[in-house]
Every structure is written in C-alpha cells, then in structure tokens.
Amino acid sequence: MSEDYKDIITEYKEQVRVLKEQISELEDANKSKDAALKRALQKLEYTTSDLEKAHDEINAKKDSDKL
C-alpha cells in the first residue's frame, strides 16, 4: 500500500513540474506579446503624429493660397 502512495505522490510531483513549466512558457509568450503590442502602439503614435503634421501643413498651404 505504501508503494502505491509513493507512486501517486511521484505522479503528482511530475504533474506539478509540468504545470509550472507550462506557466513559465505562457508567461514568456505573454511578455513577447506585450513587447510586440508596445512596438505597434509606438509605431501607430508616430504615424498619427506624422499624419497630423502633414494635415497641418496642407491646411497652412491652403490658407496661404487663399491670400
């Protein structure tokens, strides 16, 4: 009977180890996604800024052409 318990405990320990490994992999994947999202957001912010500048320049050109 004691041997059965040892087998069960060993199996549980293995399952815990596997689950910890899976958690670690998921955390790493989440960090990678966060970094990619930050890069995409930064690129979007730069593009938006450039678009606003271009829009302001176009409006300024239109205003100067009216005069």
C-alpha atoms as a PDB file:
ATOM      1  CA  MET A   1       0.000   0.000   0.000  1.00  0.00           C
ATOM      2  CA  SER A   2       2.807   2.398   0.808  1.00  0.00           C
ATOM      3  CA  GLU A   3       4.294   1.830  -2.638  1.00  0.00           C
ATOM      4  CA  ASP A   4       1.008   2.928  -4.233  1.00  0.00           C
ATOM      5  CA  TYR A   5       1.106   6.182  -2.297  1.00  0.00           C
ATOM      6  CA  LYS A   6       4.680   6.790  -3.353  1.00  0.00           C
ATOM      7  CA  ASP A   7       3.677   6.281  -6.985  1.00  0.00           C
ATOM      8  CA  ILE A   8       0.765   8.676  -6.611  1.00  0.00           C
ATOM      9  CA  ILE A   9       2.946  11.301  -4.947  1.00  0.00           C
ATOM     10  CA  THR A  10       5.598  10.903  -7.638  1.00  0.00           C
ATOM     11  CA  GLU A  11       2.945  11.319 -10.345  1.00  0.00           C
ATOM     12  CA  TYR A  12       1.552  14.450  -8.667  1.00  0.00           C
ATOM     13  CA  LYS A  13       5.038  15.917  -8.381  1.00  0.00           C
ATOM     14  CA  GLU A  14       5.588  15.301 -12.086  1.00  0.00           C
ATOM     15  CA  GLN A  15       2.255  16.941 -12.918  1.00  0.00           C
ATOM     16  CA  VAL A  16       3.154  19.964 -10.790  1.00  0.00           C
ATOM     17  CA  ARG A  17       6.508  20.240 -12.548  1.00  0.00           C
ATOM     18  CA  VAL A  18       4.843  20.089 -15.966  1.00  0.00           C
ATOM     19  CA  LEU A  19       2.255  22.697 -14.965  1.00  0.00           C
ATOM     20  CA  LYS A  20       4.961  25.035 -13.657  1.00  0.00           C
ATOM     21  CA  GLU A  21       6.802  24.648 -16.948  1.00  0.00           C
ATOM     22  CA  GLN A  22       3.629  25.445 -18.890  1.00  0.00           C
ATOM     23  CA  ILE A  23       3.007  28.511 -16.737  1.00  0.00           C
ATOM     24  CA  SER A  24       6.528  29.705 -17.429  1.00  0.00           C
ATOM     25  CA  GLU A  25       6.053  29.235 -21.177  1.00  0.00           C
ATOM     26  CA  LEU A  26       2.758  31.137 -21.087  1.00  0.00           C
ATOM     27  CA  GLU A  27       4.329  33.972 -19.113  1.00  0.00           C
ATOM     28  CA  ASP A  28       7.163  34.207 -21.651  1.00  0.00           C
ATOM     29  CA  ALA A  29       4.691  34.256 -24.533  1.00  0.00           C
ATOM     30  CA  ASN A  30       2.692  36.960 -22.770  1.00  0.00           C
ATOM     31  CA  LYS A  31       5.814  39.090 -22.332  1.00  0.00           C
ATOM     32  CA  SER A  32       6.609  38.723 -26.031  1.00  0.00           C
ATOM     33  CA  LYS A  33       3.088  39.765 -26.981  1.00  0.00           C
ATOM     34  CA  ASP A  34       3.253  42.751 -24.643  1.00  0.00           C
ATOM     35  CA  ALA A  35       6.500  43.879 -26.236  1.00  0.00           C
ATOM     36  CA  ALA A  36       5.043  43.485 -29.734  1.00  0.00           C
ATOM     37  CA  LEU A  37       1.952  45.456 -28.742  1.00  0.00           C
ATOM     38  CA  LYS A  38       4.097  48.244 -27.305  1.00  0.00           C
ATOM     39  CA  ARG A  39       6.086  48.439 -30.541  1.00  0.00           C
ATOM     40  CA  ALA A  40       2.892  48.513 -32.605  1.00  0.00           C
ATOM     41  CA  LEU A  41       1.381  51.213 -30.411  1.00  0.00           C
ATOM     42  CA  GLN A  42       4.527  53.314 -30.655  1.00  0.00           C
ATOM     43  CA  LYS A  43       4.521  52.959 -34.438  1.00  0.00           C
ATOM     44  CA  LEU A  44       0.853  53.975 -34.508  1.00  0.00           C
ATOM     45  CA  GLU A  45       1.603  57.031 -32.367  1.00  0.00           C
ATOM     46  CA  TYR A  46       4.439  58.089 -34.689  1.00  0.00           C
ATOM     47  CA  THR A  47       2.262  57.572 -37.764  1.00  0.00           C
ATOM     48  CA  THR A  48      -0.576  59.564 -36.195  1.00  0.00           C
ATOM     49  CA  SER A  49       1.823  62.362 -35.334  1.00  0.00           C
ATOM     50  CA  ASP A  50       3.207  62.424 -38.880  1.00  0.00           C
ATOM     51  CA  LEU A  51      -0.327  62.442 -40.296  1.00  0.00           C
ATOM     52  CA  GLU A  52      -1.319  65.362 -38.068  1.00  0.00           C
ATOM     53  CA  LYS A  53       1.770  67.314 -39.137  1.00  0.00           C
ATOM     54  CA  ALA A  54       1.025  66.644 -42.801  1.00  0.00           C
ATOM     55  CA  HIS A  55      -2.595  67.693 -42.295  1.00  0.00           C
ATOM     56  CA  ASP A  56      -1.490  70.934 -40.614  1.00  0.00           C
ATOM     57  CA  GLU A  57       0.946  71.650 -43.451  1.00  0.00           C
ATOM     58  CA  ILE A  58      -1.781  71.067 -46.052  1.00  0.00           C
ATOM     59  CA  ASN A  59      -4.148  73.384 -44.189  1.00  0.00           C
ATOM     60  CA  ALA A  60      -1.438  76.022 -43.865  1.00  0.00           C
ATOM     61  CA  LYS A  61      -0.724  75.752 -47.605  1.00  0.00           C
ATOM     62  CA  LYS A  62      -4.443  76.116 -48.400  1.00  0.00           C
ATOM     63  CA  ASP A  63      -4.690  79.158 -46.132  1.00  0.00           C
ATOM     64  CA  SER A  64      -1.647  80.798 -47.708  1.00  0.00           C
ATOM     65  CA  ASP A  65      -3.030  80.105 -51.200  1.00  0.00           C
ATOM     66  CA  LYS A  66      -6.285  81.885 -50.282  1.00  0.00           C
ATOM     67  CA  LEU A  67      -4.357  85.080 -49.561  1.00  0.00           C
END
